[in-house]
C-alpha atoms as a PDB file:
ATOM      1  CA  UNK A   1      80.653 124.515 104.203  1.00  0.00           C
ATOM      2  CA  UNK A   2      83.484 123.603 101.828  1.00  0.00           C
ATOM      3  CA  UNK A   3      85.977 123.778 104.711  1.00  0.00           C
ATOM      4  CA  UNK A   4      83.919 121.396 106.841  1.00  0.00           C
ATOM      5  CA  UNK A   5      83.491 118.967 103.966  1.00  0.00           C
ATOM      6  CA  UNK A   6      87.207 119.108 103.109  1.00  0.00           C
ATOM      7  CA  UNK A   7      88.118 118.527 106.751  1.00  0.00           C
ATOM      8  CA  UNK A   8      85.845 115.508 107.003  1.00  0.00           C
ATOM      9  CA  UNK A   9      87.257 114.016 103.815  1.00  0.00           C
ATOM     10  CA  UNK A  10      90.816 114.575 105.048  1.00  0.00           C
ATOM     11  CA  UNK A  11      90.051 112.933 108.398  1.00  0.00           C
ATOM     12  CA  UNK A  12      88.424 109.952 106.674  1.00  0.00           C
ATOM     13  CA  UNK A  13      91.337 109.476 104.282  1.00  0.00           C
ATOM     14  CA  UNK A  14      94.034 109.866 106.931  1.00  0.00           C
ATOM     15  CA  UNK A  15      92.320 107.514 109.348  1.00  0.00           C
ATOM     16  CA  UNK A  16      92.384 104.700 106.825  1.00  0.00           C
ATOM     17  CA  UNK A  17      94.286 101.737 108.214  1.00  0.00           C
ATOM     18  CA  UNK A  18      96.482 101.224 105.156  1.00  0.00           C
ATOM     19  CA  UNK A  19      97.429 104.896 105.057  1.00  0.00           C
ATOM     20  CA  UNK A  20      98.553 104.941 108.667  1.00  0.00           C
ATOM     21  CA  UNK A  21     100.454 101.660 108.307  1.00  0.00           C
ATOM     22  CA  UNK A  22     102.239 103.041 105.258  1.00  0.00           C
ATOM     23  CA  UNK A  23     103.077 106.252 107.092  1.00  0.00           C
ATOM     24  CA  UNK A  24     104.496 104.219 109.980  1.00  0.00           C
ATOM     25  CA  UNK A  25     106.641 102.131 107.638  1.00  0.00           C
ATOM     26  CA  UNK A  26     107.920 105.192 105.811  1.00  0.00           C
ATOM     27  CA  UNK A  27     108.790 106.882 109.097  1.00  0.00           C
ATOM     28  CA  UNK A  28     110.626 103.778 110.344  1.00  0.00           C
ATOM     29  CA  UNK A  29     112.615 103.475 107.123  1.00  0.00           C
ATOM     30  CA  UNK A  30     113.483 107.167 107.241  1.00  0.00           C
ATOM     31  CA  UNK A  31     114.810 106.738 110.786  1.00  0.00           C
ATOM     32  CA  UNK A  32     116.844 103.672 109.861  1.00  0.00           C
ATOM     33  CA  UNK A  33     118.400 105.456 106.884  1.00  0.00           C
ATOM     34  CA  UNK A  34     119.194 108.457 109.078  1.00  0.00           C
ATOM     35  CA  UNK A  35     120.954 106.194 111.586  1.00  0.00           C
ATOM     36  CA  UNK A  36     122.971 104.473 108.840  1.00  0.00           C
ATOM     37  CA  UNK A  37     124.041 107.824 107.403  1.00  0.00           C
ATOM     38  CA  UNK A  38     125.087 109.056 110.842  1.00  0.00           C
ATOM     39  CA  UNK A  39     127.116 105.895 111.487  1.00  0.00           C
ATOM     40  CA  UNK A  40     128.883 106.225 108.125  1.00  0.00           C
ATOM     41  CA  UNK A  41     129.776 109.876 108.699  1.00  0.00           C
ATOM     42  CA  UNK A  42     131.251 109.311 112.167  1.00  0.00           C
ATOM     43  CA  UNK A  43     132.217 105.634 112.544  1.00  0.00           C
ATOM     44  CA  UNK A  44     134.676 106.217 115.439  1.00  0.00           C
ATOM     45  CA  UNK A  45     132.724 108.780 117.437  1.00  0.00           C
ATOM     46  CA  UNK A  46     132.769 106.780 120.687  1.00  0.00           C
ATOM     47  CA  UNK A  47     129.184 105.648 120.408  1.00  0.00           C
ATOM     48  CA  UNK A  48     128.047 102.077 120.061  1.00  0.00           C
ATOM     49  CA  UNK A  49     124.976 101.587 117.867  1.00  0.00           C
ATOM     50  CA  UNK A  50     123.917  98.621 120.000  1.00  0.00           C
ATOM     51  CA  UNK A  51     123.412 100.763 123.105  1.00  0.00           C
ATOM     52  CA  UNK A  52     120.783 103.137 121.719  1.00  0.00           C
ATOM     53  CA  UNK A  53     123.226 105.969 121.273  1.00  0.00           C
ATOM     54  CA  UNK A  54     124.643 105.840 124.802  1.00  0.00           C
ATOM     55  CA  UNK A  55     128.377 106.598 124.976  1.00  0.00           C
ATOM     56  CA  UNK A  56     130.651 103.623 125.584  1.00  0.00           C
ATOM     57  CA  UNK A  57     133.600 104.327 127.870  1.00  0.00           C
END
């Protein structure tokens, strides 16, 4: 019974609109920071950030 109740509470909380929007924003920011870090570590790797990671020849 406790498991069912806990599951229902978790589903209710995670389905909240603000929670999901915040999760989406955090995920986007994490991805952007990861891209910036990758560009700083290998600035002349032959890839152009404007082409979605496709190699530029």
